[in-house]
N, C-alpha and C. Protein backbone atom coordinates (compact mmCIF):
# COMPACT_ATOMS: atom_id res chain seq x y z
N UNK A 1 12.25 0.36 14.29
CA UNK A 1 11.49 -0.28 15.33
C UNK A 1 10.18 -0.82 14.75
N UNK A 2 9.93 -2.09 14.91
CA UNK A 2 8.72 -2.72 14.39
C UNK A 2 7.58 -2.53 15.38
N UNK A 3 6.49 -1.95 14.88
CA UNK A 3 5.30 -1.78 15.71
C UNK A 3 4.42 -3.01 15.57
N UNK A 4 3.53 -3.22 16.52
CA UNK A 4 2.71 -4.43 16.48
C UNK A 4 1.70 -4.44 15.34
N UNK A 5 1.46 -3.31 14.67
CA UNK A 5 0.52 -3.30 13.57
C UNK A 5 1.20 -3.34 12.20
N UNK A 6 2.51 -3.54 12.15
CA UNK A 6 3.23 -3.64 10.88
C UNK A 6 3.21 -5.09 10.40
N UNK A 7 3.23 -5.27 9.07
CA UNK A 7 3.16 -6.61 8.51
C UNK A 7 3.92 -6.69 7.19
N UNK A 8 3.98 -7.88 6.59
CA UNK A 8 4.72 -8.13 5.36
C UNK A 8 3.89 -7.77 4.13
N UNK A 9 4.55 -7.77 2.96
CA UNK A 9 3.85 -7.48 1.70
C UNK A 9 2.80 -8.54 1.41
N UNK A 10 3.06 -9.78 1.78
CA UNK A 10 2.09 -10.85 1.56
C UNK A 10 0.76 -10.53 2.25
N UNK A 11 0.85 -10.08 3.48
CA UNK A 11 -0.36 -9.71 4.21
C UNK A 11 -0.97 -8.44 3.61
N UNK A 12 -0.11 -7.51 3.18
CA UNK A 12 -0.59 -6.28 2.54
C UNK A 12 -1.40 -6.62 1.28
N UNK A 13 -0.91 -7.57 0.50
CA UNK A 13 -1.62 -7.98 -0.71
C UNK A 13 -2.97 -8.59 -0.36
N UNK A 14 -3.01 -9.40 0.69
CA UNK A 14 -4.29 -9.97 1.13
C UNK A 14 -5.26 -8.87 1.56
N UNK A 15 -4.76 -7.85 2.25
CA UNK A 15 -5.62 -6.72 2.62
C UNK A 15 -6.15 -6.02 1.37
N UNK A 16 -5.26 -5.77 0.38
CA UNK A 16 -5.70 -5.09 -0.84
C UNK A 16 -6.76 -5.91 -1.57
N UNK A 17 -6.63 -7.23 -1.58
CA UNK A 17 -7.62 -8.09 -2.22
C UNK A 17 -8.99 -7.94 -1.57
N UNK A 18 -9.00 -7.59 -0.28
CA UNK A 18 -10.25 -7.41 0.46
C UNK A 18 -10.74 -5.96 0.41
N UNK A 19 -10.03 -5.11 -0.34
CA UNK A 19 -10.45 -3.72 -0.50
C UNK A 19 -9.91 -2.77 0.55
N UNK A 20 -8.92 -3.20 1.32
CA UNK A 20 -8.33 -2.35 2.37
C UNK A 20 -7.06 -1.71 1.82
N UNK A 21 -6.97 -0.38 1.87
CA UNK A 21 -5.76 0.32 1.41
C UNK A 21 -4.61 0.07 2.38
N UNK A 22 -3.40 -0.04 1.82
CA UNK A 22 -2.19 -0.24 2.62
C UNK A 22 -1.11 0.73 2.19
N UNK A 23 -0.06 0.83 3.00
CA UNK A 23 1.06 1.71 2.70
C UNK A 23 2.28 1.21 3.46
N UNK A 24 3.44 1.63 3.03
CA UNK A 24 4.65 1.44 3.83
C UNK A 24 4.74 2.60 4.80
N UNK A 25 5.34 2.40 5.94
CA UNK A 25 5.45 3.48 6.92
C UNK A 25 6.28 4.65 6.38
N UNK A 26 7.21 4.38 5.45
CA UNK A 26 8.09 5.44 4.94
C UNK A 26 7.67 5.97 3.57
N UNK A 27 6.48 5.65 3.07
CA UNK A 27 6.03 6.16 1.77
C UNK A 27 5.54 7.58 1.94
N UNK A 28 6.38 8.54 1.61
CA UNK A 28 6.02 9.95 1.74
C UNK A 28 5.05 10.34 0.63
N UNK A 29 4.05 11.09 0.97
CA UNK A 29 3.12 11.61 -0.03
C UNK A 29 1.99 10.67 -0.40
N UNK A 30 2.00 9.45 0.13
CA UNK A 30 0.96 8.48 -0.22
C UNK A 30 -0.02 8.32 0.93
N UNK A 31 -1.28 8.28 0.59
CA UNK A 31 -2.30 7.95 1.58
C UNK A 31 -2.43 6.44 1.65
N UNK A 32 -2.31 5.77 0.52
CA UNK A 32 -2.40 4.31 0.52
C UNK A 32 -2.43 3.74 -0.88
N UNK A 33 -2.32 2.42 -0.95
CA UNK A 33 -2.37 1.68 -2.21
C UNK A 33 -3.60 0.79 -2.18
N UNK A 34 -4.26 0.68 -3.32
CA UNK A 34 -5.37 -0.24 -3.39
C UNK A 34 -5.32 -1.01 -4.70
N UNK A 35 -5.88 -2.20 -4.69
CA UNK A 35 -5.90 -3.09 -5.84
C UNK A 35 -7.10 -2.74 -6.70
N UNK A 36 -6.87 -2.49 -7.98
CA UNK A 36 -7.94 -2.14 -8.91
C UNK A 36 -8.00 -3.19 -10.01
N UNK A 37 -9.15 -3.34 -10.62
CA UNK A 37 -9.29 -4.27 -11.72
C UNK A 37 -10.14 -3.66 -12.83
N UNK A 38 -9.76 -3.96 -14.07
CA UNK A 38 -10.54 -3.54 -15.23
C UNK A 38 -11.41 -4.69 -15.72
N UNK A 39 -11.01 -5.90 -15.38
CA UNK A 39 -11.75 -7.11 -15.72
C UNK A 39 -11.38 -8.17 -14.69
N UNK A 40 -12.07 -9.30 -14.66
CA UNK A 40 -11.77 -10.29 -13.61
C UNK A 40 -10.36 -10.88 -13.63
N UNK A 41 -9.61 -10.69 -14.69
CA UNK A 41 -8.30 -11.35 -14.80
C UNK A 41 -7.12 -10.40 -14.81
N UNK A 42 -7.36 -9.10 -14.79
CA UNK A 42 -6.27 -8.13 -14.84
C UNK A 42 -6.37 -7.19 -13.66
N UNK A 43 -5.37 -7.23 -12.81
CA UNK A 43 -5.33 -6.37 -11.64
C UNK A 43 -4.12 -5.46 -11.72
N UNK A 44 -4.21 -4.30 -11.14
CA UNK A 44 -3.07 -3.42 -10.97
C UNK A 44 -3.24 -2.67 -9.66
N UNK A 45 -2.12 -2.19 -9.14
CA UNK A 45 -2.14 -1.47 -7.87
C UNK A 45 -2.08 0.01 -8.18
N UNK A 46 -2.98 0.76 -7.60
CA UNK A 46 -2.99 2.21 -7.77
C UNK A 46 -2.69 2.88 -6.44
N UNK A 47 -2.00 4.01 -6.53
CA UNK A 47 -1.74 4.75 -5.29
C UNK A 47 -2.73 5.89 -5.15
N UNK A 48 -2.99 6.23 -3.94
CA UNK A 48 -3.81 7.39 -3.62
C UNK A 48 -2.85 8.39 -3.00
N UNK A 49 -2.49 9.42 -3.76
CA UNK A 49 -1.46 10.36 -3.34
C UNK A 49 -2.06 11.59 -2.67
N UNK A 50 -1.24 12.23 -1.86
CA UNK A 50 -1.65 13.47 -1.23
C UNK A 50 -1.68 14.62 -2.23
N UNK A 51 -0.89 14.48 -3.32
CA UNK A 51 -0.90 15.50 -4.37
C UNK A 51 -0.72 14.82 -5.73
N UNK A 52 -0.79 15.58 -6.78
CA UNK A 52 -0.77 15.02 -8.14
C UNK A 52 0.63 14.74 -8.67
N UNK A 53 1.68 14.92 -7.87
CA UNK A 53 3.05 14.69 -8.36
C UNK A 53 3.32 13.22 -8.65
N UNK A 54 2.63 12.32 -8.00
CA UNK A 54 2.88 10.89 -8.15
C UNK A 54 1.98 10.30 -9.22
N UNK A 55 2.48 9.25 -9.89
CA UNK A 55 1.68 8.56 -10.90
C UNK A 55 0.62 7.71 -10.25
N UNK A 56 -0.27 7.17 -11.06
CA UNK A 56 -1.35 6.35 -10.53
C UNK A 56 -0.94 4.90 -10.32
N UNK A 57 -0.41 4.25 -11.36
CA UNK A 57 -0.08 2.82 -11.25
C UNK A 57 1.24 2.67 -10.51
N UNK A 58 1.28 1.74 -9.57
CA UNK A 58 2.45 1.52 -8.72
C UNK A 58 2.92 0.09 -8.87
N UNK A 59 4.24 -0.10 -8.95
CA UNK A 59 4.84 -1.43 -9.02
C UNK A 59 5.80 -1.58 -7.85
N UNK A 60 5.70 -2.68 -7.10
CA UNK A 60 6.57 -2.84 -5.94
C UNK A 60 8.02 -3.11 -6.33
N UNK A 61 8.94 -2.52 -5.57
CA UNK A 61 10.36 -2.81 -5.75
C UNK A 61 10.69 -4.05 -4.94
N UNK A 62 11.91 -4.57 -5.10
CA UNK A 62 12.35 -5.70 -4.30
C UNK A 62 12.32 -5.34 -2.81
N UNK A 63 12.71 -4.12 -2.49
CA UNK A 63 12.68 -3.66 -1.09
C UNK A 63 11.25 -3.68 -0.55
N UNK A 64 10.28 -3.29 -1.38
CA UNK A 64 8.88 -3.32 -0.95
C UNK A 64 8.42 -4.75 -0.68
N UNK A 65 8.85 -5.68 -1.52
CA UNK A 65 8.42 -7.08 -1.39
C UNK A 65 8.95 -7.75 -0.13
N UNK A 66 10.15 -7.37 0.31
CA UNK A 66 10.72 -8.02 1.50
C UNK A 66 10.53 -7.21 2.78
N UNK A 67 9.96 -6.01 2.65
CA UNK A 67 9.76 -5.14 3.81
C UNK A 67 8.74 -5.72 4.78
N UNK A 68 8.91 -5.40 6.02
CA UNK A 68 7.97 -5.82 7.07
C UNK A 68 7.39 -4.62 7.80
N UNK A 69 7.32 -3.48 7.08
CA UNK A 69 6.79 -2.26 7.70
C UNK A 69 5.52 -1.76 7.00
N UNK A 70 4.75 -2.67 6.43
CA UNK A 70 3.48 -2.33 5.81
C UNK A 70 2.44 -2.08 6.90
N UNK A 71 1.57 -1.11 6.67
CA UNK A 71 0.49 -0.81 7.60
C UNK A 71 -0.78 -0.50 6.79
N UNK A 72 -1.91 -0.50 7.43
CA UNK A 72 -3.12 -0.08 6.73
C UNK A 72 -3.08 1.43 6.56
N UNK A 73 -3.76 1.92 5.53
CA UNK A 73 -3.79 3.35 5.30
C UNK A 73 -4.44 4.09 6.48
N UNK A 74 -5.39 3.45 7.10
CA UNK A 74 -6.04 4.03 8.27
C UNK A 74 -5.03 4.27 9.39
N UNK A 75 -4.16 3.27 9.64
CA UNK A 75 -3.11 3.43 10.65
C UNK A 75 -2.12 4.50 10.25
N UNK A 76 -1.83 4.60 8.94
CA UNK A 76 -0.88 5.61 8.48
C UNK A 76 -1.43 7.02 8.72
N UNK A 77 -2.69 7.21 8.43
CA UNK A 77 -3.28 8.52 8.66
C UNK A 77 -3.22 8.91 10.14
N UNK A 78 -3.32 7.92 11.01
CA UNK A 78 -3.19 8.19 12.44
C UNK A 78 -1.77 8.63 12.81
N UNK A 79 -0.76 8.18 12.02
CA UNK A 79 0.62 8.56 12.29
C UNK A 79 0.98 9.94 11.77
N UNK A 80 0.22 10.46 10.81
CA UNK A 80 0.53 11.76 10.20
C UNK A 80 0.25 12.91 11.14
């Protein structure tokens, strides 16, 4: 069921560029993803996990790219 606050990866990426953490509704153990940079030309996505079991750098799968169930991390915390 699509909620009115869910969006596509394209919009999620735009949120991350503005410093807003995002997540998929079904990402267990994650608080959110945020875009990090070491220099003006190199970006990577890092996850903020609930525990240390997950790695830091995250790469989207094809399913993540076409999903329409992205939400802000703030909304996800409200769902927990």
